[in-house]
Amino acid sequence: MIFKSVSLNYENKNEMNTVVHIGNRPVVLISEDSEDEIDIDTLCRIDHGNLYGEIVTVSALLNKVGIWKAEAEALYNRSKLKCDIYEANFRKDIRIEANKNQGKFKFGDDYIKLTEKSVDEAIYTDTEFQTLKDDMIENQRMLNILDSWFWAINDKSKKLSSIVRPVSPEEFLSELVESKVNTFLIKKGL
């Protein structure tokens, strides 16, 4: 492997700089995470005009998408926990009310008998529960999308490894094109 070391700089939260040393020469990858739109089709496609740019950035891209995926997973888990807690408290409140009212709880304008089915119906028709559940479903959707991107970029990385022949650091640098690849701006040297 021609990469000697990789260091990350997160001083500016909207910009990620990665320095990759090829031989004894640094290559700086600059990524601004403040982009409003990212074309995922472009990220998942291999730019044959700059294969070495693809190689030098694909690991950083995989890391970036992995971080986004982790954030989406945390958001989903928090929304699921919030929904579960709301549901548990709702069920508990219904049971407490039913214990005070001869096994019945107020549902709409009527008192109905406490059964598993009646409690489920009360929960699923509760507008706050529906909102929490919708948020959870949306967070899960975003997690699934990011998971798909993660595996697509992982596949891209494997394909790049198989189509590019090993070269010396000097050849690598001469073939590397300074441009924007995989959301990273490539600059030779510091």
N, C-alpha and C. Protein backbone atom coordinates (compact mmCIF):
# COMPACT_ATOMS: atom_id res chain seq x y z
N MET A 1 0.85 -1.19 0.00
CA MET A 1 0.00 0.00 0.00
C MET A 1 0.89 1.23 0.00
N ILE A 2 0.51 2.22 -0.80
CA ILE A 2 1.34 3.40 -0.92
C ILE A 2 0.97 4.51 0.05
N PHE A 3 -0.13 4.36 0.79
CA PHE A 3 -0.53 5.37 1.75
C PHE A 3 0.22 5.13 3.06
N LYS A 4 0.96 6.14 3.49
CA LYS A 4 1.72 5.98 4.73
C LYS A 4 0.91 6.33 5.96
N SER A 5 0.18 7.43 5.90
CA SER A 5 -0.59 7.82 7.08
C SER A 5 -1.78 8.66 6.67
N VAL A 6 -2.74 8.69 7.55
CA VAL A 6 -3.94 9.49 7.32
C VAL A 6 -4.23 10.25 8.61
N SER A 7 -4.46 11.54 8.50
CA SER A 7 -4.84 12.31 9.68
C SER A 7 -6.08 13.12 9.35
N LEU A 8 -6.93 13.29 10.33
CA LEU A 8 -8.17 14.02 10.13
C LEU A 8 -8.14 15.31 10.92
N ASN A 9 -8.73 16.34 10.36
CA ASN A 9 -8.80 17.64 11.02
C ASN A 9 -10.26 18.07 11.06
N TYR A 10 -10.82 18.15 12.24
CA TYR A 10 -12.21 18.56 12.40
C TYR A 10 -12.31 19.89 13.13
N GLU A 11 -11.34 20.80 12.94
CA GLU A 11 -11.38 22.08 13.64
C GLU A 11 -12.62 22.88 13.26
N ASN A 12 -12.92 22.93 11.98
CA ASN A 12 -14.14 23.58 11.51
C ASN A 12 -15.18 22.48 11.31
N LYS A 13 -16.26 22.51 12.04
CA LYS A 13 -17.23 21.41 12.01
C LYS A 13 -17.87 21.24 10.64
N ASN A 14 -17.86 22.27 9.80
CA ASN A 14 -18.44 22.15 8.47
C ASN A 14 -17.42 21.69 7.43
N GLU A 15 -16.17 21.56 7.80
CA GLU A 15 -15.14 21.17 6.85
C GLU A 15 -14.30 20.06 7.44
N MET A 16 -14.06 19.05 6.63
CA MET A 16 -13.23 17.93 7.05
C MET A 16 -12.02 17.88 6.13
N ASN A 17 -10.82 18.00 6.67
CA ASN A 17 -9.60 17.89 5.89
C ASN A 17 -8.92 16.58 6.23
N THR A 18 -8.56 15.85 5.21
CA THR A 18 -7.85 14.59 5.39
C THR A 18 -6.54 14.71 4.64
N VAL A 19 -5.44 14.44 5.31
CA VAL A 19 -4.13 14.47 4.67
C VAL A 19 -3.67 13.03 4.48
N VAL A 20 -3.42 12.69 3.22
CA VAL A 20 -2.95 11.35 2.89
C VAL A 20 -1.54 11.51 2.35
N HIS A 21 -0.58 10.80 2.91
CA HIS A 21 0.80 10.88 2.44
C HIS A 21 1.03 9.77 1.43
N ILE A 22 1.38 10.18 0.22
CA ILE A 22 1.70 9.24 -0.85
C ILE A 22 3.20 9.34 -1.04
N GLY A 23 3.90 8.27 -0.65
CA GLY A 23 5.35 8.36 -0.58
C GLY A 23 5.68 9.36 0.51
N ASN A 24 6.42 10.42 0.15
CA ASN A 24 6.72 11.46 1.14
C ASN A 24 5.99 12.76 0.81
N ARG A 25 5.03 12.70 -0.09
CA ARG A 25 4.31 13.90 -0.51
C ARG A 25 2.87 13.86 -0.01
N PRO A 26 2.42 14.91 0.66
CA PRO A 26 1.04 14.93 1.17
C PRO A 26 0.04 15.31 0.08
N VAL A 27 -1.12 14.69 0.17
CA VAL A 27 -2.26 15.06 -0.67
C VAL A 27 -3.37 15.42 0.30
N VAL A 28 -3.96 16.59 0.13
CA VAL A 28 -4.99 17.08 1.05
C VAL A 28 -6.36 16.87 0.41
N LEU A 29 -7.24 16.24 1.16
CA LEU A 29 -8.63 16.06 0.73
C LEU A 29 -9.47 17.00 1.59
N ILE A 30 -10.15 17.92 0.94
CA ILE A 30 -10.97 18.90 1.65
C ILE A 30 -12.43 18.59 1.35
N SER A 31 -13.21 18.41 2.40
CA SER A 31 -14.63 18.15 2.22
C SER A 31 -15.43 19.11 3.07
N GLU A 32 -16.30 19.84 2.42
CA GLU A 32 -17.21 20.73 3.13
C GLU A 32 -18.53 20.00 3.29
N ASP A 33 -18.88 19.70 4.52
CA ASP A 33 -20.12 18.97 4.79
C ASP A 33 -21.34 19.87 4.72
N SER A 34 -21.15 21.12 4.34
CA SER A 34 -22.29 22.03 4.30
C SER A 34 -23.01 22.00 2.96
N GLU A 35 -22.63 21.08 2.07
CA GLU A 35 -23.32 20.99 0.80
C GLU A 35 -24.79 20.67 1.03
N ASP A 36 -25.67 21.39 0.33
CA ASP A 36 -27.10 21.17 0.50
C ASP A 36 -27.58 19.91 -0.21
N GLU A 37 -26.99 19.64 -1.36
CA GLU A 37 -27.41 18.49 -2.14
C GLU A 37 -26.20 17.66 -2.54
N ILE A 38 -26.32 16.36 -2.41
CA ILE A 38 -25.27 15.44 -2.81
C ILE A 38 -25.90 14.45 -3.79
N ASP A 39 -25.31 14.34 -4.96
CA ASP A 39 -25.82 13.41 -5.97
C ASP A 39 -25.26 12.02 -5.67
N ILE A 40 -26.08 11.19 -5.07
CA ILE A 40 -25.62 9.87 -4.64
C ILE A 40 -25.28 8.99 -5.84
N ASP A 41 -25.93 9.21 -6.97
CA ASP A 41 -25.59 8.43 -8.16
C ASP A 41 -24.15 8.71 -8.60
N THR A 42 -23.74 9.97 -8.49
CA THR A 42 -22.35 10.33 -8.81
C THR A 42 -21.40 9.69 -7.81
N LEU A 43 -21.77 9.68 -6.54
CA LEU A 43 -20.89 9.08 -5.53
C LEU A 43 -20.72 7.58 -5.72
N CYS A 44 -21.75 6.93 -6.19
CA CYS A 44 -21.70 5.47 -6.34
C CYS A 44 -21.09 5.05 -7.67
N ARG A 45 -20.90 5.99 -8.57
CA ARG A 45 -20.33 5.71 -9.88
C ARG A 45 -18.81 5.92 -9.84
N ILE A 46 -18.07 5.13 -10.59
CA ILE A 46 -16.62 5.28 -10.67
C ILE A 46 -16.29 6.24 -11.80
N ASP A 47 -15.52 7.28 -11.47
CA ASP A 47 -15.06 8.25 -12.46
C ASP A 47 -13.79 7.69 -13.10
N HIS A 48 -13.92 7.12 -14.29
CA HIS A 48 -12.78 6.49 -14.96
C HIS A 48 -11.75 7.51 -15.42
N GLY A 49 -12.11 8.78 -15.49
CA GLY A 49 -11.17 9.83 -15.85
C GLY A 49 -10.23 10.20 -14.72
N ASN A 50 -10.54 9.79 -13.52
CA ASN A 50 -9.69 10.10 -12.37
C ASN A 50 -9.74 8.93 -11.39
N LEU A 51 -9.29 7.77 -11.85
CA LEU A 51 -9.31 6.57 -11.00
C LEU A 51 -8.49 6.77 -9.73
N TYR A 52 -7.37 7.47 -9.85
CA TYR A 52 -6.53 7.66 -8.67
C TYR A 52 -7.18 8.62 -7.67
N GLY A 53 -7.94 9.58 -8.18
CA GLY A 53 -8.72 10.44 -7.30
C GLY A 53 -9.79 9.63 -6.57
N GLU A 54 -10.40 8.70 -7.30
CA GLU A 54 -11.39 7.81 -6.69
C GLU A 54 -10.74 6.98 -5.57
N ILE A 55 -9.57 6.42 -5.87
CA ILE A 55 -8.89 5.57 -4.89
C ILE A 55 -8.53 6.35 -3.64
N VAL A 56 -8.03 7.56 -3.82
CA VAL A 56 -7.57 8.33 -2.66
C VAL A 56 -8.73 8.86 -1.82
N THR A 57 -9.94 8.97 -2.40
CA THR A 57 -11.07 9.54 -1.65
C THR A 57 -12.11 8.52 -1.19
N VAL A 58 -12.12 7.33 -1.77
CA VAL A 58 -13.22 6.40 -1.48
C VAL A 58 -13.26 5.98 -0.01
N SER A 59 -12.12 5.80 0.61
CA SER A 59 -12.11 5.42 2.04
C SER A 59 -12.67 6.54 2.91
N ALA A 60 -12.28 7.77 2.59
CA ALA A 60 -12.80 8.92 3.34
C ALA A 60 -14.30 9.06 3.12
N LEU A 61 -14.75 8.80 1.89
CA LEU A 61 -16.18 8.85 1.60
C LEU A 61 -16.92 7.77 2.38
N LEU A 62 -16.37 6.57 2.41
CA LEU A 62 -16.97 5.48 3.16
C LEU A 62 -17.06 5.84 4.64
N ASN A 63 -16.02 6.47 5.16
CA ASN A 63 -16.02 6.92 6.54
C ASN A 63 -17.10 7.98 6.77
N LYS A 64 -17.22 8.94 5.85
CA LYS A 64 -18.21 10.01 5.98
C LYS A 64 -19.62 9.43 5.99
N VAL A 65 -19.90 8.54 5.05
CA VAL A 65 -21.23 7.93 5.00
C VAL A 65 -21.47 7.06 6.24
N GLY A 66 -20.42 6.40 6.72
CA GLY A 66 -20.54 5.62 7.96
C GLY A 66 -20.90 6.49 9.15
N ILE A 67 -20.32 7.69 9.21
CA ILE A 67 -20.64 8.63 10.29
C ILE A 67 -22.08 9.11 10.15
N TRP A 68 -22.50 9.43 8.93
CA TRP A 68 -23.90 9.84 8.72
C TRP A 68 -24.84 8.72 9.12
N LYS A 69 -24.46 7.49 8.77
CA LYS A 69 -25.29 6.33 9.10
C LYS A 69 -25.39 6.17 10.62
N ALA A 70 -24.29 6.35 11.32
CA ALA A 70 -24.29 6.24 12.79
C ALA A 70 -25.18 7.31 13.41
N GLU A 71 -25.13 8.53 12.85
CA GLU A 71 -25.98 9.61 13.35
C GLU A 71 -27.45 9.29 13.10
N ALA A 72 -27.75 8.75 11.92
CA ALA A 72 -29.13 8.37 11.60
C ALA A 72 -29.61 7.24 12.50
N GLU A 73 -28.72 6.31 12.81
CA GLU A 73 -29.08 5.20 13.69
C GLU A 73 -29.37 5.70 15.10
N ALA A 74 -28.57 6.65 15.58
CA ALA A 74 -28.80 7.22 16.90
C ALA A 74 -30.13 7.97 16.93
N LEU A 75 -30.42 8.71 15.87
CA LEU A 75 -31.68 9.44 15.78
C LEU A 75 -32.86 8.48 15.77
N TYR A 76 -32.74 7.41 14.99
CA TYR A 76 -33.80 6.40 14.95
C TYR A 76 -33.99 5.76 16.33
N ASN A 77 -32.90 5.37 16.97
CA ASN A 77 -33.00 4.72 18.29
C ASN A 77 -33.61 5.64 19.34
N ARG A 78 -33.25 6.95 19.28
CA ARG A 78 -33.85 7.90 20.22
C ARG A 78 -35.35 8.05 19.97
N SER A 79 -35.74 8.11 18.70
CA SER A 79 -37.17 8.26 18.40
C SER A 79 -37.94 6.99 18.76
N LYS A 80 -37.32 5.82 18.59
CA LYS A 80 -37.96 4.56 18.97
C LYS A 80 -38.13 4.50 20.49
N LEU A 81 -37.10 4.90 21.22
CA LEU A 81 -37.17 4.91 22.68
C LEU A 81 -38.27 5.86 23.15
N LYS A 82 -38.35 7.05 22.55
CA LYS A 82 -39.38 8.02 22.91
C LYS A 82 -40.77 7.44 22.67
N CYS A 83 -40.95 6.77 21.54
CA CYS A 83 -42.24 6.15 21.21
C CYS A 83 -42.56 5.01 22.19
N ASP A 84 -41.57 4.18 22.51
CA ASP A 84 -41.77 3.07 23.44
C ASP A 84 -42.14 3.57 24.83
N ILE A 85 -41.47 4.62 25.28
CA ILE A 85 -41.76 5.18 26.60
C ILE A 85 -43.17 5.77 26.62
N TYR A 86 -43.53 6.49 25.57
CA TYR A 86 -44.88 7.05 25.51
C TYR A 86 -45.93 5.94 25.56
N GLU A 87 -45.71 4.88 24.77
CA GLU A 87 -46.65 3.77 24.75
C GLU A 87 -46.75 3.08 26.11
N ALA A 88 -45.62 2.86 26.76
CA ALA A 88 -45.62 2.22 28.08
C ALA A 88 -46.37 3.06 29.10
N ASN A 89 -46.13 4.37 29.10
CA ASN A 89 -46.84 5.26 30.03
C ASN A 89 -48.34 5.32 29.73
N PHE A 90 -48.68 5.31 28.45
CA PHE A 90 -50.08 5.33 28.04
C PHE A 90 -50.79 4.08 28.55
N ARG A 91 -50.16 2.91 28.35
CA ARG A 91 -50.74 1.65 28.82
C ARG A 91 -50.88 1.65 30.35
N LYS A 92 -49.85 2.15 31.03
CA LYS A 92 -49.88 2.20 32.49
C LYS A 92 -51.02 3.09 32.97
N ASP A 93 -51.19 4.26 32.35
CA ASP A 93 -52.25 5.17 32.75
C ASP A 93 -53.64 4.55 32.53
N ILE A 94 -53.79 3.82 31.44
CA ILE A 94 -55.07 3.14 31.18
C ILE A 94 -55.34 2.07 32.24
N ARG A 95 -54.31 1.29 32.58
CA ARG A 95 -54.49 0.25 33.62
C ARG A 95 -54.84 0.87 34.96
N ILE A 96 -54.19 1.97 35.32
CA ILE A 96 -54.49 2.64 36.58
C ILE A 96 -55.92 3.14 36.59
N GLU A 97 -56.34 3.76 35.47
CA GLU A 97 -57.72 4.26 35.39
C GLU A 97 -58.73 3.10 35.47
N ALA A 98 -58.42 2.00 34.79
CA ALA A 98 -59.33 0.84 34.81
C ALA A 98 -59.44 0.24 36.21
N ASN A 99 -58.36 0.23 36.96
CA ASN A 99 -58.39 -0.29 38.33
C ASN A 99 -59.30 0.56 39.22
N LYS A 100 -59.40 1.83 38.93
CA LYS A 100 -60.24 2.73 39.72
C LYS A 100 -61.71 2.69 39.28
N ASN A 101 -61.98 2.15 38.09
CA ASN A 101 -63.34 2.21 37.51
C ASN A 101 -63.88 0.83 37.14
N GLN A 102 -63.75 -0.12 38.03
CA GLN A 102 -64.30 -1.47 37.84
C GLN A 102 -63.88 -2.11 36.51
N GLY A 103 -62.60 -1.94 36.15
CA GLY A 103 -62.06 -2.59 34.95
C GLY A 103 -62.38 -1.87 33.65
N LYS A 104 -62.79 -0.60 33.74
CA LYS A 104 -63.09 0.17 32.53
C LYS A 104 -62.28 1.45 32.50
N PHE A 105 -62.01 1.92 31.28
CA PHE A 105 -61.30 3.19 31.12
C PHE A 105 -62.04 4.03 30.08
N LYS A 106 -61.82 5.34 30.17
CA LYS A 106 -62.51 6.27 29.28
C LYS A 106 -61.81 6.27 27.91
N PHE A 107 -62.61 6.03 26.88
CA PHE A 107 -62.12 6.03 25.51
C PHE A 107 -63.12 6.86 24.70
N GLY A 108 -62.71 8.06 24.35
CA GLY A 108 -63.65 8.99 23.72
C GLY A 108 -64.64 9.46 24.76
N ASP A 109 -65.93 9.29 24.47
CA ASP A 109 -66.98 9.70 25.40
C ASP A 109 -67.49 8.56 26.26
N ASP A 110 -67.00 7.34 25.99
CA ASP A 110 -67.51 6.14 26.67
C ASP A 110 -66.44 5.52 27.57
N TYR A 111 -66.94 4.72 28.51
CA TYR A 111 -66.06 3.88 29.31
C TYR A 111 -66.15 2.48 28.72
N ILE A 112 -64.98 1.89 28.41
CA ILE A 112 -64.98 0.55 27.83
C ILE A 112 -64.15 -0.39 28.69
N LYS A 113 -64.42 -1.68 28.54
CA LYS A 113 -63.75 -2.71 29.32
C LYS A 113 -62.28 -2.81 28.91
N LEU A 114 -61.45 -2.98 29.92
CA LEU A 114 -60.00 -3.12 29.70
C LEU A 114 -59.71 -4.49 29.10
N THR A 115 -59.29 -4.49 27.86
CA THR A 115 -58.78 -5.70 27.19
C THR A 115 -57.54 -5.29 26.41
N GLU A 116 -56.77 -6.26 26.00
CA GLU A 116 -55.58 -5.95 25.22
C GLU A 116 -55.95 -5.24 23.92
N LYS A 117 -57.02 -5.71 23.29
CA LYS A 117 -57.48 -5.12 22.03
C LYS A 117 -57.96 -3.68 22.23
N SER A 118 -58.68 -3.41 23.31
CA SER A 118 -59.18 -2.05 23.55
C SER A 118 -58.03 -1.09 23.88
N VAL A 119 -57.02 -1.59 24.59
CA VAL A 119 -55.86 -0.75 24.90
C VAL A 119 -55.09 -0.44 23.61
N ASP A 120 -54.90 -1.46 22.76
CA ASP A 120 -54.22 -1.24 21.48
C ASP A 120 -54.96 -0.21 20.64
N GLU A 121 -56.28 -0.33 20.60
CA GLU A 121 -57.09 0.60 19.83
C GLU A 121 -56.94 2.02 20.37
N ALA A 122 -56.93 2.16 21.68
CA ALA A 122 -56.76 3.49 22.30
C ALA A 122 -55.40 4.09 21.96
N ILE A 123 -54.36 3.25 22.00
CA ILE A 123 -53.01 3.74 21.71
C ILE A 123 -52.90 4.15 20.24
N TYR A 124 -53.34 3.27 19.34
CA TYR A 124 -53.16 3.52 17.91
C TYR A 124 -54.02 4.67 17.38
N THR A 125 -55.04 5.04 18.10
CA THR A 125 -55.85 6.18 17.67
C THR A 125 -55.42 7.48 18.35
N ASP A 126 -54.46 7.41 19.27
CA ASP A 126 -53.95 8.59 19.96
C ASP A 126 -53.07 9.39 18.98
N THR A 127 -53.38 10.66 18.80
CA THR A 127 -52.66 11.48 17.80
C THR A 127 -51.20 11.71 18.17
N GLU A 128 -50.88 11.85 19.44
CA GLU A 128 -49.48 12.05 19.84
C GLU A 128 -48.67 10.78 19.56
N PHE A 129 -49.26 9.62 19.84
CA PHE A 129 -48.58 8.35 19.53
C PHE A 129 -48.35 8.22 18.03
N GLN A 130 -49.36 8.59 17.24
CA GLN A 130 -49.23 8.52 15.78
C GLN A 130 -48.10 9.41 15.27
N THR A 131 -47.98 10.60 15.85
CA THR A 131 -46.91 11.53 15.47
C THR A 131 -45.54 10.94 15.83
N LEU A 132 -45.43 10.40 17.03
CA LEU A 132 -44.16 9.78 17.45
C LEU A 132 -43.81 8.60 16.54
N LYS A 133 -44.80 7.80 16.21
CA LYS A 133 -44.59 6.62 15.35
C LYS A 133 -44.18 7.06 13.94
N ASP A 134 -44.82 8.10 13.42
CA ASP A 134 -44.45 8.62 12.10
C ASP A 134 -43.00 9.11 12.09
N ASP A 135 -42.60 9.82 13.15
CA ASP A 135 -41.21 10.28 13.26
C ASP A 135 -40.25 9.09 13.28
N MET A 136 -40.60 8.07 14.03
CA MET A 136 -39.77 6.88 14.12
C MET A 136 -39.64 6.21 12.75
N ILE A 137 -40.74 6.10 12.03
CA ILE A 137 -40.73 5.47 10.71
C ILE A 137 -39.87 6.28 9.73
N GLU A 138 -39.97 7.59 9.78
CA GLU A 138 -39.15 8.45 8.91
C GLU A 138 -37.67 8.32 9.25
N ASN A 139 -37.35 8.26 10.53
CA ASN A 139 -35.95 8.09 10.94
C ASN A 139 -35.42 6.73 10.50
N GLN A 140 -36.25 5.71 10.56
CA GLN A 140 -35.84 4.38 10.10
C GLN A 140 -35.62 4.39 8.58
N ARG A 141 -36.47 5.11 7.86
CA ARG A 141 -36.31 5.22 6.40
C ARG A 141 -34.97 5.86 6.05
N MET A 142 -34.63 6.94 6.75
CA MET A 142 -33.35 7.61 6.49
C MET A 142 -32.17 6.69 6.83
N LEU A 143 -32.29 5.95 7.91
CA LEU A 143 -31.25 4.99 8.28
C LEU A 143 -31.08 3.94 7.19
N ASN A 144 -32.19 3.44 6.66
CA ASN A 144 -32.12 2.42 5.61
C ASN A 144 -31.50 2.97 4.33
N ILE A 145 -31.80 4.22 4.00
CA ILE A 145 -31.20 4.85 2.82
C ILE A 145 -29.69 4.97 3.01
N LEU A 146 -29.27 5.46 4.16
CA LEU A 146 -27.83 5.61 4.42
C LEU A 146 -27.12 4.25 4.47
N ASP A 147 -27.80 3.24 4.98
CA ASP A 147 -27.24 1.89 4.98
C ASP A 147 -27.03 1.41 3.54
N SER A 148 -27.98 1.69 2.68
CA SER A 148 -27.86 1.32 1.27
C SER A 148 -26.69 2.05 0.62
N TRP A 149 -26.55 3.35 0.89
CA TRP A 149 -25.42 4.11 0.35
C TRP A 149 -24.09 3.56 0.86
N PHE A 150 -24.06 3.23 2.14
CA PHE A 150 -22.83 2.69 2.73
C PHE A 150 -22.38 1.44 1.99
N TRP A 151 -23.31 0.53 1.73
CA TRP A 151 -22.95 -0.73 1.05
C TRP A 151 -22.63 -0.50 -0.41
N ALA A 152 -23.28 0.47 -1.06
CA ALA A 152 -22.97 0.79 -2.45
C ALA A 152 -21.56 1.36 -2.57
N ILE A 153 -21.18 2.23 -1.64
CA ILE A 153 -19.84 2.82 -1.68
C ILE A 153 -18.80 1.78 -1.28
N ASN A 154 -19.13 0.89 -0.38
CA ASN A 154 -18.25 -0.22 -0.02
C ASN A 154 -17.98 -1.09 -1.26
N ASP A 155 -19.03 -1.35 -2.04
CA ASP A 155 -18.89 -2.12 -3.27
C ASP A 155 -18.00 -1.37 -4.28
N LYS A 156 -18.18 -0.06 -4.36
CA LYS A 156 -17.35 0.78 -5.24
C LYS A 156 -15.88 0.65 -4.84
N SER A 157 -15.62 0.68 -3.55
CA SER A 157 -14.25 0.56 -3.05
C SER A 157 -13.62 -0.77 -3.48
N LYS A 158 -14.39 -1.84 -3.36
CA LYS A 158 -13.88 -3.16 -3.76
C LYS A 158 -13.61 -3.21 -5.26
N LYS A 159 -14.49 -2.63 -6.06
CA LYS A 159 -14.29 -2.61 -7.51
C LYS A 159 -13.06 -1.80 -7.88
N LEU A 160 -12.86 -0.67 -7.21
CA LEU A 160 -11.66 0.14 -7.48
C LEU A 160 -10.39 -0.64 -7.19
N SER A 161 -10.41 -1.39 -6.10
CA SER A 161 -9.23 -2.19 -5.74
C SER A 161 -8.90 -3.23 -6.80
N SER A 162 -9.93 -3.72 -7.47
CA SER A 162 -9.69 -4.77 -8.46
C SER A 162 -9.35 -4.24 -9.85
N ILE A 163 -9.70 -2.98 -10.17
CA ILE A 163 -9.43 -2.50 -11.53
C ILE A 163 -8.18 -1.66 -11.68
N VAL A 164 -7.61 -1.19 -10.58
CA VAL A 164 -6.42 -0.34 -10.68
C VAL A 164 -5.19 -1.16 -10.28
N ARG A 165 -4.22 -1.14 -11.16
CA ARG A 165 -2.98 -1.90 -10.90
C ARG A 165 -2.10 -1.14 -9.90
N PRO A 166 -1.26 -1.86 -9.17
CA PRO A 166 -0.34 -1.19 -8.24
C PRO A 166 0.65 -0.30 -9.00
N VAL A 167 0.91 0.87 -8.46
CA VAL A 167 1.85 1.82 -9.08
C VAL A 167 2.75 2.40 -8.00
N SER A 168 3.83 3.02 -8.43
CA SER A 168 4.73 3.69 -7.48
C SER A 168 4.08 4.99 -7.04
N PRO A 169 4.52 5.55 -5.91
CA PRO A 169 3.97 6.82 -5.46
C PRO A 169 4.12 7.93 -6.50
N GLU A 170 5.23 7.94 -7.21
CA GLU A 170 5.45 8.96 -8.22
C GLU A 170 4.44 8.84 -9.36
N GLU A 171 4.19 7.60 -9.82
CA GLU A 171 3.19 7.38 -10.86
C GLU A 171 1.80 7.79 -10.37
N PHE A 172 1.52 7.43 -9.13
CA PHE A 172 0.22 7.75 -8.55
C PHE A 172 0.00 9.25 -8.58
N LEU A 173 0.99 10.02 -8.10
CA LEU A 173 0.85 11.48 -8.06
C LEU A 173 0.75 12.08 -9.45
N SER A 174 1.48 11.53 -10.41
CA SER A 174 1.40 12.08 -11.76
C SER A 174 0.04 11.81 -12.40
N GLU A 175 -0.59 10.71 -12.06
CA GLU A 175 -1.90 10.36 -12.62
C GLU A 175 -3.06 11.00 -11.85
N LEU A 176 -2.81 11.43 -10.62
CA LEU A 176 -3.85 12.02 -9.78
C LEU A 176 -4.23 13.39 -10.32
N VAL A 177 -5.50 13.62 -10.52
CA VAL A 177 -6.01 14.88 -11.04
C VAL A 177 -6.59 15.69 -9.89
N GLU A 178 -6.12 16.94 -9.74
CA GLU A 178 -6.69 17.82 -8.71
C GLU A 178 -8.10 18.20 -9.16
N SER A 179 -9.08 17.73 -8.43
CA SER A 179 -10.48 18.00 -8.77
C SER A 179 -11.35 17.62 -7.59
N LYS A 180 -12.65 17.75 -7.76
CA LYS A 180 -13.59 17.34 -6.73
C LYS A 180 -14.05 15.92 -7.05
N VAL A 181 -13.79 15.01 -6.13
CA VAL A 181 -14.16 13.61 -6.30
C VAL A 181 -14.78 13.12 -5.00
N ASN A 182 -15.93 12.48 -5.10
CA ASN A 182 -16.59 11.89 -3.92
C ASN A 182 -16.79 12.91 -2.79
N THR A 183 -17.19 14.09 -3.11
CA THR A 183 -17.43 15.23 -2.22
C THR A 183 -16.15 15.86 -1.67
N PHE A 184 -14.98 15.36 -2.07
CA PHE A 184 -13.70 15.88 -1.59
C PHE A 184 -13.01 16.65 -2.70
N LEU A 185 -12.41 17.79 -2.35
CA LEU A 185 -11.57 18.54 -3.26
C LEU A 185 -10.15 18.04 -3.04
N ILE A 186 -9.53 17.54 -4.10
CA ILE A 186 -8.17 17.00 -4.00
C ILE A 186 -7.17 18.09 -4.37
N LYS A 187 -6.19 18.31 -3.48
CA LYS A 187 -5.10 19.24 -3.73
C LYS A 187 -3.79 18.52 -3.46
N LYS A 188 -2.87 18.60 -4.41
CA LYS A 188 -1.55 17.99 -4.23
C LYS A 188 -0.71 18.92 -3.39
N GLY A 189 -0.04 18.37 -2.38
CA GLY A 189 0.83 19.18 -1.52
C GLY A 189 0.04 19.98 -0.51
N LEU A 190 0.75 20.66 0.38
CA LEU A 190 0.08 21.47 1.41
C LEU A 190 0.13 22.93 1.12
